[in-house]
Amino acid sequence: MRLGRKGRIVLLSVAAVAAAGALTAYILASSVPSYYRPARLTVAGKDAAMREFRRRLMDFNNDGQKNEPFNWTVTQDQLNRYLESMDEIAIQGGAKPGSGHRAMESVGLAAPAVVLDGGCVRLVAKSLQYQKVVSMDLSLAIGPDSRLRVSLAGARIGQLPMPTSLVRSLVDRLRAKFVQRPGGEMTAPAISGLDSSQVALVLQRVISAIDGEPIATEMTWRITTRKRVRVTRIDIDAGRLTLHMVPVLRPEENGRQMPIK
């Protein structure tokens, strides 16, 4: 059946719209989002970031020893400097040189960065396979059972929103690479110095919990099991992440215990 002039015009219009849509999607997927700003540090800058990271952990340790509620805040810029310095930080924990970036490359990613806003942690990186920027938004929430739930709230390629189902394979690869170790509560870094392996354990469990089983929010110091803290709330907004912490005291300390909300 031959199409009339109007039919051909309609088909051409539909094809033009489809082509324009495909071109727009390609441009959006290929563009670099303005929020993607991985840190670029010199060797000296990475060393300084590693030392700052150690000091921040010591601050957390010291606050946790006081048996009173405290808040611990880290900024987006600080986290991005730590990501850029992941190899220097990992070496302090006994890892081999280059192990941090090799771990990223093994799941097809490079140049990671984070964005803290709107209640979500946005993880952003460059896909080595497609040479495009990919990102996923993680929502962190403490439930009534005092356990942390991590949900995949959104995903993008470049500036193009995509169904979260399409990034499940990436999440599964991350989960397989940074497999959750058995055990219950988290162990905080030793107060005597930096223990990057314990920080890595916390990150592993957060990754393993994405759209999975919630995880415990209590932390205990290896130097003494009498010192425990629990995360009661996580605030994420305007480039800052704040953990609200309370002590978890033993029964014999009830006389000094402060109410836990």
Protein backbone atom coordinates (compact mmCIF):
# COMPACT_ATOMS: atom_id res chain seq x y z
CA MET A 1 0.00 0.00 0.00
CA ARG A 2 1.39 3.32 -1.08
CA LEU A 3 1.41 6.18 1.39
CA GLY A 4 0.00 9.51 0.42
CA ARG A 5 1.82 12.76 0.80
CA LYS A 6 0.39 13.36 4.28
CA GLY A 7 1.39 9.88 5.41
CA ARG A 8 4.98 10.40 4.27
CA ILE A 9 5.10 13.74 6.09
CA VAL A 10 3.87 12.07 9.29
CA LEU A 11 6.49 9.32 9.04
CA LEU A 12 9.26 11.81 8.34
CA SER A 13 8.14 13.90 11.32
CA VAL A 14 8.15 10.87 13.60
CA ALA A 15 11.63 9.89 12.37
CA ALA A 16 12.91 13.43 12.89
CA VAL A 17 11.55 13.51 16.45
CA ALA A 18 13.07 10.10 17.22
CA ALA A 19 16.43 11.17 15.78
CA ALA A 20 16.35 14.41 17.75
CA GLY A 21 15.50 12.49 20.91
CA ALA A 22 18.32 10.03 20.34
CA LEU A 23 20.77 12.86 19.68
CA THR A 24 19.64 14.71 22.81
CA ALA A 25 20.02 11.55 24.90
CA TYR A 26 23.51 10.96 23.49
CA ILE A 27 24.56 14.54 24.24
CA LEU A 28 23.20 14.32 27.79
CA ALA A 29 24.86 10.95 28.37
CA SER A 30 28.19 12.17 26.98
CA SER A 31 28.28 15.46 28.88
CA VAL A 32 30.20 15.86 32.12
CA PRO A 33 27.89 16.98 34.96
CA SER A 34 28.86 20.22 36.67
CA TYR A 35 28.80 18.44 40.03
CA TYR A 36 31.55 16.02 38.98
CA ARG A 37 34.65 17.54 40.55
CA PRO A 38 37.17 14.88 41.59
CA ALA A 39 40.12 16.22 43.53
CA ARG A 40 43.39 16.70 41.65
CA LEU A 41 46.27 16.68 44.14
CA THR A 42 50.04 16.76 43.90
CA VAL A 43 52.14 14.17 45.71
CA ALA A 44 52.54 16.62 48.58
CA GLY A 45 48.81 17.30 48.54
CA LYS A 46 47.99 13.59 48.80
CA ASP A 47 50.37 13.22 51.74
CA ALA A 48 48.71 16.18 53.45
CA ALA A 49 45.25 14.68 52.83
CA MET A 50 46.39 11.36 54.31
CA ARG A 51 47.63 13.11 57.44
CA GLU A 52 44.39 15.10 57.69
CA PHE A 53 42.44 11.85 57.38
CA ARG A 54 44.41 10.41 60.30
CA ARG A 55 43.71 13.49 62.42
CA ARG A 56 39.97 13.30 61.66
CA LEU A 57 39.89 9.68 62.76
CA MET A 58 41.69 10.60 65.95
CA ASP A 59 39.12 13.33 66.57
CA PHE A 60 36.37 10.73 66.20
CA ASN A 61 38.24 8.38 68.56
CA ASN A 62 38.74 11.06 71.18
CA ASP A 63 35.10 12.18 71.10
CA GLY A 64 33.95 8.58 71.43
CA GLN A 65 35.92 8.08 74.62
CA LYS A 66 34.00 10.75 76.55
CA ASN A 67 30.79 8.77 77.20
CA GLU A 68 28.63 11.65 76.00
CA PRO A 69 26.75 12.44 72.77
CA PHE A 70 28.74 14.11 70.00
CA ASN A 71 28.49 15.02 66.33
CA TRP A 72 31.14 14.25 63.73
CA THR A 73 31.08 16.13 60.42
CA VAL A 74 32.98 15.63 57.19
CA THR A 75 32.71 17.84 54.13
CA GLN A 76 32.39 16.93 50.48
CA ASP A 77 35.74 18.53 49.68
CA GLN A 78 37.46 16.54 52.42
CA LEU A 79 35.99 13.27 51.18
CA ASN A 80 37.11 13.99 47.63
CA ARG A 81 40.65 14.70 48.84
CA TYR A 82 40.63 11.42 50.74
CA LEU A 83 39.41 9.55 47.64
CA GLU A 84 42.22 11.05 45.58
CA SER A 85 44.65 9.96 48.31
CA MET A 86 43.19 6.47 48.77
CA ASP A 87 46.48 4.75 47.95
CA GLU A 88 48.43 6.79 50.50
CA ILE A 89 45.75 6.09 53.11
CA ALA A 90 45.63 2.38 52.27
CA ILE A 91 49.40 2.05 52.62
CA GLN A 92 49.11 3.32 56.20
CA GLY A 93 46.80 0.38 56.86
CA GLY A 94 49.31 -2.12 55.46
CA ALA A 95 48.01 -2.37 51.88
CA LYS A 96 50.29 -2.55 48.85
CA PRO A 97 51.03 0.67 46.91
CA GLY A 98 48.39 1.37 44.28
CA SER A 99 45.86 -1.07 45.73
CA GLY A 100 43.11 1.55 46.11
CA HIS A 101 43.04 2.66 42.49
CA ARG A 102 43.51 -0.91 41.24
CA ALA A 103 40.42 -1.93 43.20
CA MET A 104 38.44 0.83 41.46
CA GLU A 105 39.76 -0.14 38.04
CA SER A 106 38.85 -3.78 38.64
CA VAL A 107 35.16 -2.80 38.61
CA GLY A 108 35.65 -0.54 35.58
CA LEU A 109 35.76 2.83 37.34
CA ALA A 110 38.29 5.64 37.81
CA ALA A 111 38.55 9.17 39.25
CA PRO A 112 35.83 8.78 41.92
CA ALA A 113 34.14 11.72 43.60
CA VAL A 114 31.24 12.29 45.97
CA VAL A 115 28.49 14.90 46.22
CA LEU A 116 26.66 15.46 49.52
CA ASP A 117 23.26 17.07 49.09
CA GLY A 118 19.55 16.60 49.53
CA GLY A 119 19.85 13.76 52.02
CA CYS A 120 21.84 11.59 49.59
CA VAL A 121 25.43 10.61 48.97
CA ARG A 122 26.04 10.79 45.22
CA LEU A 123 28.88 8.53 44.09
CA VAL A 124 30.36 9.69 40.78
CA ALA A 125 33.12 8.14 38.67
CA LYS A 126 34.32 7.71 35.10
CA SER A 127 33.39 4.46 33.38
CA LEU A 128 36.53 3.02 31.79
CA GLN A 129 34.50 0.91 29.38
CA TYR A 130 32.26 3.66 28.03
CA GLN A 131 34.41 6.71 28.81
CA LYS A 132 31.40 8.45 30.33
CA VAL A 133 30.62 9.75 33.80
CA VAL A 134 28.26 7.57 35.80
CA SER A 135 26.67 8.40 39.13
CA MET A 136 24.32 6.87 41.64
CA ASP A 137 22.53 8.43 44.60
CA LEU A 138 22.48 6.55 47.88
CA SER A 139 19.93 7.36 50.58
CA LEU A 140 21.08 6.59 54.15
CA ALA A 141 18.51 6.24 56.91
CA ILE A 142 18.54 4.91 60.47
CA GLY A 143 15.41 2.84 61.11
CA PRO A 144 13.44 2.36 64.35
CA ASP A 145 15.55 -0.75 64.96
CA SER A 146 18.70 1.45 65.03
CA ARG A 147 20.01 -0.19 61.87
CA LEU A 148 21.27 1.59 58.77
CA ARG A 149 19.37 1.16 55.52
CA VAL A 150 21.08 2.08 52.25
CA SER A 151 18.84 2.59 49.22
CA LEU A 152 19.67 3.31 45.59
CA ALA A 153 17.69 6.51 45.02
CA GLY A 154 18.75 7.42 41.48
CA ALA A 155 21.31 6.92 38.72
CA ARG A 156 22.67 8.84 35.74
CA ILE A 157 24.98 8.51 32.77
CA GLY A 158 26.40 11.97 32.25
CA GLN A 159 23.35 14.17 32.83
CA LEU A 160 20.90 11.58 31.52
CA PRO A 161 18.71 10.02 34.23
CA MET A 162 18.46 6.27 33.90
CA PRO A 163 16.39 3.53 35.56
CA THR A 164 18.09 2.25 38.70
CA SER A 165 17.60 -1.26 37.34
CA LEU A 166 20.27 -0.53 34.73
CA VAL A 167 22.93 0.07 37.39
CA ARG A 168 22.15 -3.06 39.37
CA SER A 169 24.99 -4.87 37.62
CA LEU A 170 27.43 -2.18 38.73
CA VAL A 171 26.13 -2.40 42.29
CA ASP A 172 26.47 -6.18 42.16
CA ARG A 173 30.07 -5.88 40.94
CA LEU A 174 30.86 -3.46 43.76
CA ARG A 175 29.19 -5.77 46.25
CA ALA A 176 31.16 -8.76 44.97
CA LYS A 177 34.44 -6.82 45.01
CA PHE A 178 33.97 -5.29 48.45
CA VAL A 179 32.25 -8.30 49.97
CA GLN A 180 30.74 -7.87 53.41
CA ARG A 181 32.67 -9.68 56.07
CA PRO A 182 30.77 -11.73 58.64
CA GLY A 183 30.07 -10.19 62.00
CA GLY A 184 27.70 -7.82 63.73
CA GLU A 185 28.68 -4.37 64.84
CA MET A 186 31.39 -2.21 63.32
CA THR A 187 34.78 -1.77 64.89
CA ALA A 188 36.09 1.76 65.14
CA PRO A 189 39.73 2.60 64.38
CA ALA A 190 42.15 1.92 67.23
CA ILE A 191 42.75 4.99 69.35
CA SER A 192 46.51 4.40 69.26
CA GLY A 193 46.66 5.20 65.56
CA LEU A 194 45.16 4.86 62.12
CA ASP A 195 43.69 1.50 61.17
CA SER A 196 42.54 1.87 57.56
CA SER A 197 41.36 -1.73 57.43
CA GLN A 198 38.58 -0.87 59.88
CA VAL A 199 37.53 2.13 57.80
CA ALA A 200 37.49 -0.16 54.76
CA LEU A 201 35.26 -2.58 56.69
CA VAL A 202 32.69 0.15 57.32
CA LEU A 203 32.69 1.07 53.61
CA GLN A 204 32.37 -2.58 52.61
CA ARG A 205 29.32 -3.01 54.78
CA VAL A 206 27.68 0.14 53.47
CA ILE A 207 28.22 -1.05 49.86
CA SER A 208 26.94 -4.52 50.75
CA ALA A 209 23.79 -2.98 52.27
CA ILE A 210 22.68 -1.16 49.10
CA ASP A 211 19.06 -2.29 48.67
CA GLY A 212 19.97 -5.21 50.91
CA GLU A 213 19.95 -6.13 54.58
CA PRO A 214 20.34 -3.20 56.99
CA ILE A 215 23.50 -3.05 59.08
CA ALA A 216 24.23 -2.36 62.74
CA THR A 217 25.21 1.17 63.69
CA GLU A 218 27.11 0.43 66.89
CA MET A 219 30.88 0.82 66.92
CA THR A 220 33.29 -0.45 69.52
CA TRP A 221 36.95 0.35 70.13
CA ARG A 222 39.29 -2.60 69.95
CA ILE A 223 41.42 -1.03 72.66
CA THR A 224 38.56 -1.52 75.14
CA THR A 225 35.13 -3.06 74.69
CA ARG A 226 33.78 -0.64 77.32
CA LYS A 227 33.75 2.17 74.78
CA ARG A 228 30.85 1.89 72.38
CA VAL A 229 28.99 4.48 70.36
CA ARG A 230 25.94 4.31 68.11
CA VAL A 231 24.84 6.41 65.14
CA THR A 232 21.35 7.76 65.80
CA ARG A 233 20.96 10.08 62.79
CA ILE A 234 22.76 11.01 59.59
CA ASP A 235 22.34 14.47 58.08
CA ILE A 236 23.46 15.05 54.49
CA ASP A 237 23.05 18.45 52.90
CA ALA A 238 24.92 21.37 51.30
CA GLY A 239 28.22 19.52 50.98
CA ARG A 240 28.33 18.17 54.54
CA LEU A 241 27.66 14.81 56.19
CA THR A 242 27.09 14.76 59.94
CA LEU A 243 26.89 11.67 62.13
CA HIS A 244 24.98 12.10 65.39
CA MET A 245 26.52 9.74 67.92
CA VAL A 246 25.54 8.61 71.43
CA PRO A 247 27.40 6.38 73.89
CA VAL A 248 26.18 2.85 74.54
CA LEU A 249 26.99 2.11 78.18
CA ARG A 250 27.16 -1.14 80.08
CA PRO A 251 24.61 -1.96 82.82
CA GLU A 252 27.14 -1.19 85.56
CA GLU A 253 27.42 2.33 84.14
CA ASN A 254 23.69 3.03 84.37
CA GLY A 255 24.19 5.60 87.07
CA ARG A 256 26.08 7.77 84.56
CA GLN A 257 24.14 6.81 81.45
CA MET A 258 22.51 9.58 79.42
CA PRO A 259 19.21 8.95 77.62
CA ILE A 260 19.56 7.57 74.10
CA LYS A 261 17.06 8.94 71.63
